[in-house]
């Protein structure tokens, strides 16, 4: 969960190099959000690769269609950007 409030990033790429790794089976905090809820609307920091093939490119915003692909390929973890690490001016 990103704890940023009232932060609006208007750039397509804010220059964030850091990322947060979200694991499907890891329970973080006491909110009980599902894996899908934790990653929905976030931007992939790294491409998702399955069997040496890129199935979703880095920089992709995770929407319902992307969630469906992540579940279809049974992806266990994703690395996402956080507004907390943006380098924008």
PDB file of N, CA and C in Angstrom:
ATOM      1  N   UNK A   1       0.842  -1.166   0.000  1.00  0.00           N
ATOM      2  CA  UNK A   1       0.000   0.000   0.000  1.00  0.00           C
ATOM      3  C   UNK A   1       0.889   1.232   0.000  1.00  0.00           C
ATOM      4  N   UNK A   2       0.595   2.163  -0.895  1.00  0.00           N
ATOM      5  CA  UNK A   2       1.286   3.439  -0.888  1.00  0.00           C
ATOM      6  C   UNK A   2       0.555   4.365   0.069  1.00  0.00           C
ATOM      7  N   UNK A   3       1.295   5.019   0.921  1.00  0.00           N
ATOM      8  CA  UNK A   3       0.682   5.880   1.925  1.00  0.00           C
ATOM      9  C   UNK A   3       0.732   7.348   1.521  1.00  0.00           C
ATOM     10  N   UNK A   4       0.917   7.600   0.250  1.00  0.00           N
ATOM     11  CA  UNK A   4       0.979   8.979  -0.224  1.00  0.00           C
ATOM     12  C   UNK A   4      -0.424   9.537  -0.392  1.00  0.00           C
ATOM     13  N   UNK A   5      -0.615  10.724   0.108  1.00  0.00           N
ATOM     14  CA  UNK A   5      -1.903  11.390  -0.050  1.00  0.00           C
ATOM     15  C   UNK A   5      -1.679  12.724  -0.711  1.00  0.00           C
ATOM     16  N   UNK A   6      -2.638  13.111  -1.534  1.00  0.00           N
ATOM     17  CA  UNK A   6      -2.598  14.403  -2.202  1.00  0.00           C
ATOM     18  C   UNK A   6      -1.357  14.588  -3.070  1.00  0.00           C
ATOM     19  N   UNK A   7      -0.879  13.512  -3.650  1.00  0.00           N
ATOM     20  CA  UNK A   7       0.250  13.591  -4.570  1.00  0.00           C
ATOM     21  C   UNK A   7      -0.282  13.254  -5.956  1.00  0.00           C
ATOM     22  N   UNK A   8      -0.064  14.162  -6.888  1.00  0.00           N
ATOM     23  CA  UNK A   8      -0.486  13.935  -8.259  1.00  0.00           C
ATOM     24  C   UNK A   8       0.753  13.995  -9.128  1.00  0.00           C
ATOM     25  N   UNK A   9       1.014  12.913  -9.845  1.00  0.00           N
ATOM     26  CA  UNK A   9       2.136  12.861 -10.759  1.00  0.00           C
ATOM     27  C   UNK A   9       1.564  12.987 -12.155  1.00  0.00           C
ATOM     28  N   UNK A  10       1.950  14.056 -12.860  1.00  0.00           N
ATOM     29  CA  UNK A  10       1.379  14.332 -14.176  1.00  0.00           C
ATOM     30  C   UNK A  10       2.309  13.942 -15.312  1.00  0.00           C
ATOM     31  N   UNK A  11       3.417  13.332 -15.006  1.00  0.00           N
ATOM     32  CA  UNK A  11       4.368  12.905 -16.026  1.00  0.00           C
ATOM     33  C   UNK A  11       4.171  11.427 -16.321  1.00  0.00           C
ATOM     34  N   UNK A  12       4.389  11.037 -17.578  1.00  0.00           N
ATOM     35  CA  UNK A  12       4.295   9.630 -17.927  1.00  0.00           C
ATOM     36  C   UNK A  12       5.374   8.818 -17.230  1.00  0.00           C
ATOM     37  N   UNK A  13       6.543   9.418 -17.063  1.00  0.00           N
ATOM     38  CA  UNK A  13       7.646   8.727 -16.409  1.00  0.00           C
ATOM     39  C   UNK A  13       8.292   9.716 -15.447  1.00  0.00           C
ATOM     40  N   UNK A  14       8.117   9.466 -14.163  1.00  0.00           N
ATOM     41  CA  UNK A  14       8.631  10.410 -13.161  1.00  0.00           C
ATOM     42  C   UNK A  14      10.084  10.131 -12.797  1.00  0.00           C
ATOM     43  N   UNK A  15      10.724   9.191 -13.462  1.00  0.00           N
ATOM     44  CA  UNK A  15      12.135   8.932 -13.234  1.00  0.00           C
ATOM     45  C   UNK A  15      12.437   8.039 -12.051  1.00  0.00           C
ATOM     46  N   UNK A  16      11.425   7.388 -11.509  1.00  0.00           N
ATOM     47  CA  UNK A  16      11.640   6.506 -10.356  1.00  0.00           C
ATOM     48  C   UNK A  16      12.469   5.295 -10.767  1.00  0.00           C
ATOM     49  N   UNK A  17      13.532   5.044 -10.040  1.00  0.00           N
ATOM     50  CA  UNK A  17      14.351   3.864 -10.279  1.00  0.00           C
ATOM     51  C   UNK A  17      14.077   2.788  -9.234  1.00  0.00           C
ATOM     52  N   UNK A  18      13.617   3.218  -8.073  1.00  0.00           N
ATOM     53  CA  UNK A  18      13.299   2.279  -6.999  1.00  0.00           C
ATOM     54  C   UNK A  18      11.946   1.631  -7.278  1.00  0.00           C
ATOM     55  N   UNK A  19      11.716   0.509  -6.638  1.00  0.00           N
ATOM     56  CA  UNK A  19      10.453  -0.181  -6.825  1.00  0.00           C
ATOM     57  C   UNK A  19      10.077  -0.907  -5.547  1.00  0.00           C
ATOM     58  N   UNK A  20       8.843  -1.328  -5.508  1.00  0.00           N
ATOM     59  CA  UNK A  20       8.341  -2.165  -4.428  1.00  0.00           C
ATOM     60  C   UNK A  20       7.959  -3.495  -5.038  1.00  0.00           C
ATOM     61  N   UNK A  21       8.376  -4.583  -4.416  1.00  0.00           N
ATOM     62  CA  UNK A  21       7.998  -5.900  -4.904  1.00  0.00           C
ATOM     63  C   UNK A  21       6.789  -6.388  -4.123  1.00  0.00           C
ATOM     64  N   UNK A  22       5.738  -6.739  -4.840  1.00  0.00           N
ATOM     65  CA  UNK A  22       4.514  -7.241  -4.227  1.00  0.00           C
ATOM     66  C   UNK A  22       4.398  -8.726  -4.553  1.00  0.00           C
ATOM     67  N   UNK A  23       4.327  -9.539  -3.508  1.00  0.00           N
ATOM     68  CA  UNK A  23       4.250 -10.991  -3.649  1.00  0.00           C
ATOM     69  C   UNK A  23       2.810 -11.428  -3.406  1.00  0.00           C
ATOM     70  N   UNK A  24       2.312 -12.288  -4.250  1.00  0.00           N
ATOM     71  CA  UNK A  24       0.924 -12.745  -4.177  1.00  0.00           C
ATOM     72  C   UNK A  24       0.564 -13.325  -2.810  1.00  0.00           C
ATOM     73  N   UNK A  25       1.477 -14.024  -2.171  1.00  0.00           N
ATOM     74  CA  UNK A  25       1.151 -14.747  -0.942  1.00  0.00           C
ATOM     75  C   UNK A  25       1.652 -14.073   0.330  1.00  0.00           C
ATOM     76  N   UNK A  26       2.287 -12.913   0.186  1.00  0.00           N
ATOM     77  CA  UNK A  26       2.814 -12.217   1.354  1.00  0.00           C
ATOM     78  C   UNK A  26       1.750 -11.292   1.937  1.00  0.00           C
ATOM     79  N   UNK A  27       1.540 -11.404   3.224  1.00  0.00           N
ATOM     80  CA  UNK A  27       0.586 -10.542   3.920  1.00  0.00           C
ATOM     81  C   UNK A  27       1.350  -9.379   4.526  1.00  0.00           C
ATOM     82  N   UNK A  28       1.001  -8.154   4.095  1.00  0.00           N
ATOM     83  CA  UNK A  28       1.671  -6.962   4.593  1.00  0.00           C
ATOM     84  C   UNK A  28       0.643  -6.114   5.318  1.00  0.00           C
ATOM     85  N   UNK A  29       0.921  -5.786   6.556  1.00  0.00           N
ATOM     86  CA  UNK A  29      -0.009  -4.953   7.319  1.00  0.00           C
ATOM     87  C   UNK A  29      -1.274  -5.708   7.672  1.00  0.00           C
ATOM     88  N   UNK A  30      -2.217  -5.014   8.220  1.00  0.00           N
ATOM     89  CA  UNK A  30      -3.444  -5.653   8.668  1.00  0.00           C
ATOM     90  C   UNK A  30      -4.660  -5.310   7.834  1.00  0.00           C
ATOM     91  N   UNK A  31      -4.445  -4.819   6.607  1.00  0.00           N
ATOM     92  CA  UNK A  31      -5.571  -4.370   5.803  1.00  0.00           C
ATOM     93  C   UNK A  31      -6.259  -5.496   5.046  1.00  0.00           C
ATOM     94  N   UNK A  32      -5.579  -6.583   4.791  1.00  0.00           N
ATOM     95  CA  UNK A  32      -6.186  -7.729   4.132  1.00  0.00           C
ATOM     96  C   UNK A  32      -6.464  -7.532   2.656  1.00  0.00           C
ATOM     97  N   UNK A  33      -5.799  -6.561   2.009  1.00  0.00           N
ATOM     98  CA  UNK A  33      -5.991  -6.363   0.581  1.00  0.00           C
ATOM     99  C   UNK A  33      -5.484  -7.568  -0.192  1.00  0.00           C
ATOM    100  N   UNK A  34      -6.199  -7.915  -1.247  1.00  0.00           N
ATOM    101  CA  UNK A  34      -5.754  -9.010  -2.105  1.00  0.00           C
ATOM    102  C   UNK A  34      -4.568  -8.537  -2.947  1.00  0.00           C
ATOM    103  N   UNK A  35      -3.878  -9.479  -3.543  1.00  0.00           N
ATOM    104  CA  UNK A  35      -2.762  -9.191  -4.442  1.00  0.00           C
ATOM    105  C   UNK A  35      -3.225  -8.229  -5.541  1.00  0.00           C
ATOM    106  N   UNK A  36      -4.396  -8.514  -6.111  1.00  0.00           N
ATOM    107  CA  UNK A  36      -4.935  -7.693  -7.187  1.00  0.00           C
ATOM    108  C   UNK A  36      -5.206  -6.264  -6.724  1.00  0.00           C
ATOM    109  N   UNK A  37      -5.750  -6.126  -5.520  1.00  0.00           N
ATOM    110  CA  UNK A  37      -6.035  -4.792  -4.987  1.00  0.00           C
ATOM    111  C   UNK A  37      -4.749  -4.008  -4.727  1.00  0.00           C
ATOM    112  N   UNK A  38      -3.699  -4.711  -4.333  1.00  0.00           N
ATOM    113  CA  UNK A  38      -2.426  -4.049  -4.038  1.00  0.00           C
ATOM    114  C   UNK A  38      -1.751  -3.517  -5.300  1.00  0.00           C
ATOM    115  N   UNK A  39      -1.957  -4.184  -6.435  1.00  0.00           N
ATOM    116  CA  UNK A  39      -1.218  -3.784  -7.639  1.00  0.00           C
ATOM    117  C   UNK A  39      -2.066  -3.021  -8.655  1.00  0.00           C
ATOM    118  N   UNK A  40      -3.381  -3.045  -8.514  1.00  0.00           N
ATOM    119  CA  UNK A  40      -4.254  -2.372  -9.481  1.00  0.00           C
ATOM    120  C   UNK A  40      -3.955  -0.869  -9.532  1.00  0.00           C
ATOM    121  N   UNK A  41      -3.813  -0.351 -10.735  1.00  0.00           N
ATOM    122  CA  UNK A  41      -3.559   1.073 -10.925  1.00  0.00           C
ATOM    123  C   UNK A  41      -2.101   1.475 -10.798  1.00  0.00           C
ATOM    124  N   UNK A  42      -1.255   0.540 -10.422  1.00  0.00           N
ATOM    125  CA  UNK A  42       0.172   0.821 -10.273  1.00  0.00           C
ATOM    126  C   UNK A  42       0.870   0.641 -11.625  1.00  0.00           C
ATOM    127  N   UNK A  43       2.112   1.089 -11.691  1.00  0.00           N
ATOM    128  CA  UNK A  43       2.914   0.985 -12.909  1.00  0.00           C
ATOM    129  C   UNK A  43       4.025  -0.024 -12.693  1.00  0.00           C
ATOM    130  N   UNK A  44       4.185  -0.933 -13.652  1.00  0.00           N
ATOM    131  CA  UNK A  44       5.238  -1.939 -13.543  1.00  0.00           C
ATOM    132  C   UNK A  44       6.613  -1.297 -13.651  1.00  0.00           C
ATOM    133  N   UNK A  45       7.469  -1.588 -12.700  1.00  0.00           N
ATOM    134  CA  UNK A  45       8.842  -1.090 -12.711  1.00  0.00           C
ATOM    135  C   UNK A  45       9.718  -1.968 -13.596  1.00  0.00           C
ATOM    136  N   UNK A  46       9.363  -3.233 -13.701  1.00  0.00           N
ATOM    137  CA  UNK A  46      10.111  -4.183 -14.532  1.00  0.00           C
ATOM    138  C   UNK A  46       9.132  -5.024 -15.326  1.00  0.00           C
ATOM    139  N   UNK A  47       9.580  -5.446 -16.506  1.00  0.00           N
ATOM    140  CA  UNK A  47       8.742  -6.313 -17.329  1.00  0.00           C
ATOM    141  C   UNK A  47       8.462  -7.622 -16.610  1.00  0.00           C
ATOM    142  N   UNK A  48       7.318  -8.212 -16.909  1.00  0.00           N
ATOM    143  CA  UNK A  48       6.984  -9.534 -16.385  1.00  0.00           C
ATOM    144  C   UNK A  48       7.375 -10.548 -17.447  1.00  0.00           C
ATOM    145  N   UNK A  49       8.220 -11.485 -17.039  1.00  0.00           N
ATOM    146  CA  UNK A  49       8.752 -12.483 -17.962  1.00  0.00           C
ATOM    147  C   UNK A  49       8.317 -13.868 -17.507  1.00  0.00           C
ATOM    148  N   UNK A  50       7.841 -14.651 -18.450  1.00  0.00           N
ATOM    149  CA  UNK A  50       7.433 -16.037 -18.169  1.00  0.00           C
ATOM    150  C   UNK A  50       8.018 -16.904 -19.273  1.00  0.00           C
ATOM    151  N   UNK A  51       8.734 -17.932 -18.906  1.00  0.00           N
ATOM    152  CA  UNK A  51       9.368 -18.841 -19.875  1.00  0.00           C
ATOM    153  C   UNK A  51      10.220 -18.081 -20.893  1.00  0.00           C
ATOM    154  N   UNK A  52      11.037 -17.153 -20.393  1.00  0.00           N
ATOM    155  CA  UNK A  52      11.962 -16.348 -21.199  1.00  0.00           C
ATOM    156  C   UNK A  52      11.267 -15.463 -22.231  1.00  0.00           C
ATOM    157  N   UNK A  53       9.993 -15.156 -22.025  1.00  0.00           N
ATOM    158  CA  UNK A  53       9.243 -14.293 -22.932  1.00  0.00           C
ATOM    159  C   UNK A  53       8.623 -13.148 -22.125  1.00  0.00           C
ATOM    160  N   UNK A  54       8.782 -11.943 -22.625  1.00  0.00           N
ATOM    161  CA  UNK A  54       8.147 -10.795 -21.980  1.00  0.00           C
ATOM    162  C   UNK A  54       6.660 -10.853 -22.273  1.00  0.00           C
ATOM    163  N   UNK A  55       5.866 -10.942 -21.206  1.00  0.00           N
ATOM    164  CA  UNK A  55       4.415 -10.987 -21.413  1.00  0.00           C
ATOM    165  C   UNK A  55       3.750  -9.647 -21.115  1.00  0.00           C
ATOM    166  N   UNK A  56       4.402  -8.815 -20.282  1.00  0.00           N
ATOM    167  CA  UNK A  56       3.909  -7.469 -20.001  1.00  0.00           C
ATOM    168  C   UNK A  56       5.132  -6.563 -19.833  1.00  0.00           C
ATOM    169  N   UNK A  57       5.152  -5.469 -20.575  1.00  0.00           N
ATOM    170  CA  UNK A  57       6.305  -4.561 -20.575  1.00  0.00           C
ATOM    171  C   UNK A  57       6.360  -3.682 -19.334  1.00  0.00           C
ATOM    172  N   UNK A  58       7.584  -3.354 -18.938  1.00  0.00           N
ATOM    173  CA  UNK A  58       7.792  -2.353 -17.881  1.00  0.00           C
ATOM    174  C   UNK A  58       7.146  -1.048 -18.323  1.00  0.00           C
ATOM    175  N   UNK A  59       6.634  -0.290 -17.369  1.00  0.00           N
ATOM    176  CA  UNK A  59       5.988   0.971 -17.674  1.00  0.00           C
ATOM    177  C   UNK A  59       4.497   0.845 -17.931  1.00  0.00           C
ATOM    178  N   UNK A  60       3.996  -0.393 -17.950  1.00  0.00           N
ATOM    179  CA  UNK A  60       2.569  -0.634 -18.175  1.00  0.00           C
ATOM    180  C   UNK A  60       1.794  -0.354 -16.897  1.00  0.00           C
ATOM    181  N   UNK A  61       0.693   0.359 -17.019  1.00  0.00           N
ATOM    182  CA  UNK A  61      -0.195   0.579 -15.888  1.00  0.00           C
ATOM    183  C   UNK A  61      -1.102  -0.640 -15.750  1.00  0.00           C
ATOM    184  N   UNK A  62      -1.226  -1.143 -14.540  1.00  0.00           N
ATOM    185  CA  UNK A  62      -1.991  -2.370 -14.304  1.00  0.00           C
ATOM    186  C   UNK A  62      -3.479  -2.036 -14.216  1.00  0.00           C
ATOM    187  N   UNK A  63      -4.207  -2.446 -15.248  1.00  0.00           N
ATOM    188  CA  UNK A  63      -5.663  -2.281 -15.276  1.00  0.00           C
ATOM    189  C   UNK A  63      -6.295  -3.673 -15.227  1.00  0.00           C
ATOM    190  N   UNK A  64      -7.603  -3.755 -15.455  1.00  0.00           N
ATOM    191  CA  UNK A  64      -8.284  -5.048 -15.357  1.00  0.00           C
ATOM    192  C   UNK A  64      -7.743  -6.057 -16.369  1.00  0.00           C
ATOM    193  N   UNK A  65      -7.483  -5.623 -17.595  1.00  0.00           N
ATOM    194  CA  UNK A  65      -6.958  -6.533 -18.617  1.00  0.00           C
ATOM    195  C   UNK A  65      -5.580  -7.068 -18.237  1.00  0.00           C
ATOM    196  N   UNK A  66      -4.746  -6.208 -17.696  1.00  0.00           N
ATOM    197  CA  UNK A  66      -3.411  -6.640 -17.270  1.00  0.00           C
ATOM    198  C   UNK A  66      -3.521  -7.573 -16.068  1.00  0.00           C
ATOM    199  N   UNK A  67      -4.432  -7.278 -15.137  1.00  0.00           N
ATOM    200  CA  UNK A  67      -4.661  -8.190 -13.999  1.00  0.00           C
ATOM    201  C   UNK A  67      -5.069  -9.566 -14.492  1.00  0.00           C
ATOM    202  N   UNK A  68      -5.936  -9.603 -15.492  1.00  0.00           N
ATOM    203  CA  UNK A  68      -6.361 -10.887 -16.055  1.00  0.00           C
ATOM    204  C   UNK A  68      -5.169 -11.665 -16.613  1.00  0.00           C
ATOM    205  N   UNK A  69      -4.252 -10.970 -17.298  1.00  0.00           N
ATOM    206  CA  UNK A  69      -3.062 -11.640 -17.845  1.00  0.00           C
ATOM    207  C   UNK A  69      -2.137 -12.124 -16.730  1.00  0.00           C
ATOM    208  N   UNK A  70      -1.978 -11.296 -15.692  1.00  0.00           N
ATOM    209  CA  UNK A  70      -1.140 -11.694 -14.556  1.00  0.00           C
ATOM    210  C   UNK A  70      -1.699 -12.954 -13.906  1.00  0.00           C
ATOM    211  N   UNK A  71      -3.006 -13.020 -13.738  1.00  0.00           N
ATOM    212  CA  UNK A  71      -3.631 -14.212 -13.156  1.00  0.00           C
ATOM    213  C   UNK A  71      -3.587 -15.400 -14.110  1.00  0.00           C
ATOM    214  N   UNK A  72      -3.798 -15.149 -15.385  1.00  0.00           N
ATOM    215  CA  UNK A  72      -3.754 -16.222 -16.388  1.00  0.00           C
ATOM    216  C   UNK A  72      -2.397 -16.923 -16.390  1.00  0.00           C
ATOM    217  N   UNK A  73      -1.326 -16.131 -16.279  1.00  0.00           N
ATOM    218  CA  UNK A  73       0.030 -16.677 -16.286  1.00  0.00           C
ATOM    219  C   UNK A  73       0.511 -17.074 -14.891  1.00  0.00           C
ATOM    220  N   UNK A  74      -0.363 -16.926 -13.895  1.00  0.00           N
ATOM    221  CA  UNK A  74      -0.059 -17.290 -12.510  1.00  0.00           C
ATOM    222  C   UNK A  74       1.237 -16.648 -12.013  1.00  0.00           C
ATOM    223  N   UNK A  75       1.346 -15.347 -12.256  1.00  0.00           N
ATOM    224  CA  UNK A  75       2.511 -14.585 -11.815  1.00  0.00           C
ATOM    225  C   UNK A  75       2.435 -14.427 -10.296  1.00  0.00           C
ATOM    226  N   UNK A  76       3.523 -14.738  -9.606  1.00  0.00           N
ATOM    227  CA  UNK A  76       3.549 -14.739  -8.148  1.00  0.00           C
ATOM    228  C   UNK A  76       3.973 -13.410  -7.533  1.00  0.00           C
ATOM    229  N   UNK A  77       4.734 -12.604  -8.301  1.00  0.00           N
ATOM    230  CA  UNK A  77       5.180 -11.322  -7.748  1.00  0.00           C
ATOM    231  C   UNK A  77       5.397 -10.337  -8.885  1.00  0.00           C
ATOM    232  N   UNK A  78       5.211  -9.059  -8.566  1.00  0.00           N
ATOM    233  CA  UNK A  78       5.468  -7.994  -9.527  1.00  0.00           C
ATOM    234  C   UNK A  78       6.254  -6.892  -8.835  1.00  0.00           C
ATOM    235  N   UNK A  79       7.003  -6.160  -9.617  1.00  0.00           N
ATOM    236  CA  UNK A  79       7.746  -5.009  -9.107  1.00  0.00           C
ATOM    237  C   UNK A  79       7.096  -3.766  -9.669  1.00  0.00           C
ATOM    238  N   UNK A  80       6.646  -2.905  -8.764  1.00  0.00           N
ATOM    239  CA  UNK A  80       5.900  -1.719  -9.163  1.00  0.00           C
ATOM    240  C   UNK A  80       6.598  -0.451  -8.702  1.00  0.00           C
ATOM    241  N   UNK A  81       6.340   0.618  -9.432  1.00  0.00           N
ATOM    242  CA  UNK A  81       6.829   1.933  -9.031  1.00  0.00           C
ATOM    243  C   UNK A  81       5.906   2.491  -7.961  1.00  0.00           C
ATOM    244  N   UNK A  82       6.447   3.388  -7.196  1.00  0.00           N
ATOM    245  CA  UNK A  82       5.657   4.053  -6.152  1.00  0.00           C
ATOM    246  C   UNK A  82       5.794   5.558  -6.314  1.00  0.00           C
ATOM    247  N   UNK A  83       4.702   6.285  -6.101  1.00  0.00           N
ATOM    248  CA  UNK A  83       4.782   7.746  -6.137  1.00  0.00           C
ATOM    249  C   UNK A  83       5.723   8.270  -5.067  1.00  0.00           C
ATOM    250  N   UNK A  84       5.985   7.454  -4.063  1.00  0.00           N
ATOM    251  CA  UNK A  84       6.884   7.865  -2.980  1.00  0.00           C
ATOM    252  C   UNK A  84       8.324   7.969  -3.422  1.00  0.00           C
ATOM    253  N   UNK A  85       8.673   7.355  -4.570  1.00  0.00           N
ATOM    254  CA  UNK A  85      10.048   7.378  -5.032  1.00  0.00           C
ATOM    255  C   UNK A  85      10.219   8.164  -6.334  1.00  0.00           C
ATOM    256  N   UNK A  86       9.226   8.947  -6.722  1.00  0.00           N
ATOM    257  CA  UNK A  86       9.329   9.738  -7.948  1.00  0.00           C
ATOM    258  C   UNK A  86      10.431  10.776  -7.832  1.00  0.00           C
ATOM    259  N   UNK A  87      11.080  11.063  -8.953  1.00  0.00           N
ATOM    260  CA  UNK A  87      12.155  12.049  -9.012  1.00  0.00           C
ATOM    261  C   UNK A  87      11.754  13.263  -9.829  1.00  0.00           C
ATOM    262  N   UNK A  88      10.497  13.516  -9.952  1.00  0.00           N
ATOM    263  CA  UNK A  88      10.013  14.629 -10.764  1.00  0.00           C
ATOM    264  C   UNK A  88      10.237  15.962 -10.048  1.00  0.00           C
ATOM    265  N   UNK A  89      10.258  17.012 -10.816  1.00  0.00           N
ATOM    266  CA  UNK A  89      10.444  18.346 -10.235  1.00  0.00           C
ATOM    267  C   UNK A  89       9.115  19.050 -10.105  1.00  0.00           C
TER     268      UNK A  89
END
